[in-house]
Amino acid sequence: MTYPLLADFTKQVSKDYGVLLETLGAALRGTFLIGPDGLLRAYIVQDLTVGRSIEEILRLVSGFKTGELCPVGWRPGEPFLPAIPKNTGK
């Protein structure tokens, strides 16, 4: 793998990210996508009863890697949205 994964055996990260259910000693199902710049780009937090969609996570990662504006439901190979024009003050 070319990206880091985290195992949270002490539950400290779950607590820090606000997904730890302390009364159960378990965490909600959280996925946090953090860019190379250290900024949180996306997060999805789900109840314990619902599984995560790996397809959606991979779609998000692919979209972020393009650096383009990706529409809702965008998939790799599909067109991007037009760039937002910058305000030139004129």
N, C-alpha and C. Protein backbone atom coordinates (compact mmCIF):
# COMPACT_ATOMS: atom_id res chain seq x y z
N MET A 1 0.84 -1.19 0.00
CA MET A 1 0.00 0.00 0.00
C MET A 1 0.88 1.24 0.00
N THR A 2 0.36 2.28 -0.60
CA THR A 2 1.13 3.52 -0.68
C THR A 2 0.51 4.63 0.15
N TYR A 3 -0.39 4.26 1.08
CA TYR A 3 -1.01 5.26 1.93
C TYR A 3 -1.08 4.69 3.35
N PRO A 4 -1.03 5.56 4.35
CA PRO A 4 -1.04 5.07 5.73
C PRO A 4 -2.44 4.68 6.20
N LEU A 5 -2.48 3.64 6.99
CA LEU A 5 -3.70 3.24 7.70
C LEU A 5 -3.40 3.33 9.19
N LEU A 6 -4.44 3.41 9.98
CA LEU A 6 -4.28 3.58 11.41
C LEU A 6 -5.09 2.53 12.16
N ALA A 7 -4.46 1.90 13.13
CA ALA A 7 -5.18 1.02 14.06
C ALA A 7 -5.23 1.75 15.40
N ASP A 8 -6.39 1.83 15.98
CA ASP A 8 -6.60 2.64 17.19
C ASP A 8 -6.84 1.74 18.41
N PHE A 9 -5.84 0.97 18.79
CA PHE A 9 -5.99 0.02 19.89
C PHE A 9 -6.30 0.69 21.23
N THR A 10 -5.78 1.90 21.44
CA THR A 10 -6.00 2.60 22.72
C THR A 10 -7.29 3.42 22.72
N LYS A 11 -7.91 3.56 21.56
CA LYS A 11 -9.15 4.34 21.36
C LYS A 11 -8.94 5.85 21.52
N GLN A 12 -7.69 6.28 21.60
CA GLN A 12 -7.41 7.71 21.76
C GLN A 12 -7.78 8.49 20.50
N VAL A 13 -7.49 7.94 19.33
CA VAL A 13 -7.81 8.63 18.08
C VAL A 13 -9.32 8.74 17.92
N SER A 14 -10.04 7.66 18.24
CA SER A 14 -11.51 7.70 18.17
C SER A 14 -12.05 8.79 19.08
N LYS A 15 -11.47 8.92 20.24
CA LYS A 15 -11.90 9.97 21.19
C LYS A 15 -11.58 11.35 20.61
N ASP A 16 -10.36 11.51 20.09
CA ASP A 16 -9.94 12.80 19.53
C ASP A 16 -10.82 13.23 18.35
N TYR A 17 -11.27 12.27 17.56
CA TYR A 17 -12.09 12.58 16.38
C TYR A 17 -13.58 12.60 16.70
N GLY A 18 -13.94 12.38 17.94
CA GLY A 18 -15.33 12.52 18.37
C GLY A 18 -16.25 11.38 17.96
N VAL A 19 -15.70 10.19 17.72
CA VAL A 19 -16.55 9.07 17.31
C VAL A 19 -16.60 7.95 18.35
N LEU A 20 -15.92 8.13 19.47
CA LEU A 20 -15.91 7.09 20.50
C LEU A 20 -17.20 7.12 21.31
N LEU A 21 -17.84 5.98 21.41
CA LEU A 21 -19.00 5.81 22.28
C LEU A 21 -18.47 5.21 23.58
N GLU A 22 -18.11 6.07 24.50
CA GLU A 22 -17.41 5.62 25.71
C GLU A 22 -18.22 4.62 26.51
N THR A 23 -19.55 4.76 26.54
CA THR A 23 -20.37 3.82 27.32
C THR A 23 -20.29 2.41 26.76
N LEU A 24 -20.04 2.28 25.45
CA LEU A 24 -19.93 0.96 24.82
C LEU A 24 -18.49 0.51 24.67
N GLY A 25 -17.56 1.45 24.78
CA GLY A 25 -16.16 1.13 24.53
C GLY A 25 -15.89 0.83 23.07
N ALA A 26 -16.73 1.37 22.20
CA ALA A 26 -16.61 1.16 20.75
C ALA A 26 -16.71 2.50 20.05
N ALA A 27 -16.32 2.52 18.80
CA ALA A 27 -16.38 3.76 18.03
C ALA A 27 -17.37 3.62 16.89
N LEU A 28 -18.01 4.74 16.55
CA LEU A 28 -18.81 4.79 15.34
C LEU A 28 -17.89 4.52 14.16
N ARG A 29 -18.43 4.15 13.04
CA ARG A 29 -17.63 3.84 11.85
C ARG A 29 -17.24 5.14 11.16
N GLY A 30 -16.03 5.59 11.43
CA GLY A 30 -15.57 6.85 10.86
C GLY A 30 -14.49 6.65 9.81
N THR A 31 -14.64 7.36 8.71
CA THR A 31 -13.62 7.40 7.67
C THR A 31 -13.21 8.85 7.51
N PHE A 32 -11.93 9.13 7.64
CA PHE A 32 -11.41 10.49 7.56
C PHE A 32 -10.35 10.54 6.47
N LEU A 33 -10.57 11.38 5.47
CA LEU A 33 -9.61 11.53 4.38
C LEU A 33 -8.83 12.81 4.62
N ILE A 34 -7.55 12.65 4.84
CA ILE A 34 -6.66 13.76 5.17
C ILE A 34 -5.67 13.92 4.02
N GLY A 35 -5.59 15.13 3.47
CA GLY A 35 -4.72 15.39 2.33
C GLY A 35 -3.25 15.44 2.74
N PRO A 36 -2.37 15.45 1.75
CA PRO A 36 -0.93 15.52 2.00
C PRO A 36 -0.54 16.77 2.77
N ASP A 37 -1.38 17.80 2.70
CA ASP A 37 -1.12 19.05 3.42
C ASP A 37 -1.57 18.97 4.88
N GLY A 38 -2.12 17.82 5.28
CA GLY A 38 -2.58 17.64 6.66
C GLY A 38 -3.98 18.13 6.92
N LEU A 39 -4.67 18.65 5.89
CA LEU A 39 -6.02 19.16 6.07
C LEU A 39 -7.05 18.05 5.86
N LEU A 40 -8.08 18.07 6.68
CA LEU A 40 -9.19 17.13 6.55
C LEU A 40 -9.97 17.49 5.30
N ARG A 41 -10.03 16.57 4.35
CA ARG A 41 -10.71 16.83 3.08
C ARG A 41 -12.15 16.31 3.09
N ALA A 42 -12.39 15.20 3.80
CA ALA A 42 -13.73 14.63 3.87
C ALA A 42 -13.80 13.69 5.06
N TYR A 43 -14.99 13.57 5.61
CA TYR A 43 -15.20 12.55 6.63
C TYR A 43 -16.62 12.03 6.54
N ILE A 44 -16.75 10.76 6.86
CA ILE A 44 -18.04 10.09 6.87
C ILE A 44 -18.11 9.33 8.18
N VAL A 45 -19.14 9.58 8.97
CA VAL A 45 -19.32 8.88 10.24
C VAL A 45 -20.68 8.19 10.20
N GLN A 46 -20.65 6.89 10.44
CA GLN A 46 -21.87 6.10 10.37
C GLN A 46 -22.08 5.33 11.67
N ASP A 47 -23.33 5.01 11.91
CA ASP A 47 -23.71 4.22 13.06
C ASP A 47 -23.08 2.83 12.96
N LEU A 48 -23.01 2.15 14.09
CA LEU A 48 -22.42 0.81 14.12
C LEU A 48 -23.18 -0.19 13.27
N THR A 49 -24.44 0.09 12.98
CA THR A 49 -25.28 -0.88 12.28
C THR A 49 -25.19 -0.79 10.76
N VAL A 50 -24.44 0.19 10.24
CA VAL A 50 -24.38 0.38 8.79
C VAL A 50 -22.93 0.28 8.32
N GLY A 51 -22.71 -0.54 7.30
CA GLY A 51 -21.37 -0.70 6.76
C GLY A 51 -20.93 0.48 5.91
N ARG A 52 -19.63 0.56 5.68
CA ARG A 52 -19.07 1.63 4.86
C ARG A 52 -19.02 1.21 3.39
N SER A 53 -19.06 2.21 2.52
CA SER A 53 -18.98 1.95 1.08
C SER A 53 -17.56 2.23 0.61
N ILE A 54 -16.81 1.17 0.35
CA ILE A 54 -15.45 1.33 -0.14
C ILE A 54 -15.47 2.02 -1.51
N GLU A 55 -16.47 1.72 -2.33
CA GLU A 55 -16.59 2.39 -3.63
C GLU A 55 -16.66 3.90 -3.47
N GLU A 56 -17.45 4.38 -2.51
CA GLU A 56 -17.58 5.83 -2.31
C GLU A 56 -16.28 6.43 -1.80
N ILE A 57 -15.60 5.74 -0.90
CA ILE A 57 -14.33 6.24 -0.39
C ILE A 57 -13.31 6.35 -1.52
N LEU A 58 -13.22 5.32 -2.36
CA LEU A 58 -12.29 5.35 -3.49
C LEU A 58 -12.67 6.44 -4.49
N ARG A 59 -13.97 6.66 -4.69
CA ARG A 59 -14.43 7.73 -5.58
C ARG A 59 -13.97 9.09 -5.06
N LEU A 60 -14.12 9.30 -3.75
CA LEU A 60 -13.68 10.55 -3.15
C LEU A 60 -12.18 10.76 -3.32
N VAL A 61 -11.41 9.72 -3.01
CA VAL A 61 -9.95 9.83 -3.14
C VAL A 61 -9.58 10.14 -4.59
N SER A 62 -10.20 9.44 -5.54
CA SER A 62 -9.92 9.70 -6.96
C SER A 62 -10.26 11.14 -7.34
N GLY A 63 -11.39 11.62 -6.86
CA GLY A 63 -11.80 12.99 -7.15
C GLY A 63 -10.83 14.01 -6.58
N PHE A 64 -10.41 13.82 -5.34
CA PHE A 64 -9.45 14.75 -4.73
C PHE A 64 -8.13 14.75 -5.49
N LYS A 65 -7.72 13.59 -5.95
CA LYS A 65 -6.43 13.50 -6.65
C LYS A 65 -6.44 14.24 -7.98
N THR A 66 -7.62 14.45 -8.59
CA THR A 66 -7.66 15.14 -9.87
C THR A 66 -7.38 16.63 -9.72
N GLY A 67 -7.75 17.21 -8.59
CA GLY A 67 -7.62 18.65 -8.42
C GLY A 67 -8.68 19.43 -9.17
N GLU A 68 -9.63 18.74 -9.77
CA GLU A 68 -10.70 19.36 -10.56
C GLU A 68 -11.99 19.44 -9.75
N LEU A 69 -12.99 20.11 -10.32
CA LEU A 69 -14.32 20.17 -9.71
C LEU A 69 -15.12 18.96 -10.19
N CYS A 70 -15.44 18.08 -9.27
CA CYS A 70 -16.15 16.85 -9.63
C CYS A 70 -17.62 16.97 -9.22
N PRO A 71 -18.54 16.70 -10.14
CA PRO A 71 -19.96 16.79 -9.81
C PRO A 71 -20.41 15.63 -8.91
N VAL A 72 -21.60 15.76 -8.39
CA VAL A 72 -22.20 14.69 -7.58
C VAL A 72 -22.21 13.40 -8.39
N GLY A 73 -21.79 12.31 -7.77
CA GLY A 73 -21.80 11.02 -8.44
C GLY A 73 -20.69 10.84 -9.46
N TRP A 74 -19.76 11.79 -9.56
CA TRP A 74 -18.67 11.70 -10.52
C TRP A 74 -17.90 10.39 -10.34
N ARG A 75 -17.46 9.84 -11.46
CA ARG A 75 -16.62 8.63 -11.49
C ARG A 75 -15.39 8.92 -12.35
N PRO A 76 -14.26 8.27 -12.05
CA PRO A 76 -13.07 8.48 -12.88
C PRO A 76 -13.38 8.25 -14.36
N GLY A 77 -12.89 9.17 -15.19
CA GLY A 77 -13.12 9.10 -16.62
C GLY A 77 -14.28 9.96 -17.09
N GLU A 78 -15.12 10.40 -16.16
CA GLU A 78 -16.25 11.26 -16.52
C GLU A 78 -15.80 12.72 -16.54
N PRO A 79 -16.56 13.59 -17.21
CA PRO A 79 -16.16 15.01 -17.30
C PRO A 79 -16.26 15.72 -15.94
N PHE A 80 -15.46 16.75 -15.82
CA PHE A 80 -15.46 17.60 -14.63
C PHE A 80 -16.39 18.78 -14.85
N LEU A 81 -16.68 19.49 -13.80
CA LEU A 81 -17.43 20.74 -13.90
C LEU A 81 -16.48 21.82 -14.39
N PRO A 82 -17.02 22.86 -15.04
CA PRO A 82 -16.14 23.97 -15.45
C PRO A 82 -15.57 24.68 -14.23
N ALA A 83 -14.36 25.18 -14.38
CA ALA A 83 -13.71 25.90 -13.29
C ALA A 83 -14.51 27.14 -12.92
N ILE A 84 -14.49 27.48 -11.66
CA ILE A 84 -15.15 28.69 -11.18
C ILE A 84 -14.27 29.88 -11.52
N PRO A 85 -14.81 30.86 -12.27
CA PRO A 85 -13.97 32.03 -12.63
C PRO A 85 -13.58 32.81 -11.39
N LYS A 86 -12.35 33.28 -11.38
CA LYS A 86 -11.87 34.08 -10.26
C LYS A 86 -12.35 35.51 -10.42
N ASN A 87 -12.69 36.13 -9.31
CA ASN A 87 -13.12 37.52 -9.31
C ASN A 87 -11.90 38.41 -9.53
N THR A 88 -11.88 39.12 -10.63
CA THR A 88 -10.74 39.98 -10.94
C THR A 88 -10.93 41.39 -10.40
N GLY A 89 -12.10 41.65 -9.80
CA GLY A 89 -12.35 42.98 -9.24
C GLY A 89 -12.75 44.01 -10.28
N LYS A 90 -13.00 43.61 -11.50
CA LYS A 90 -13.38 44.55 -12.57
C LYS A 90 -14.86 44.59 -12.76
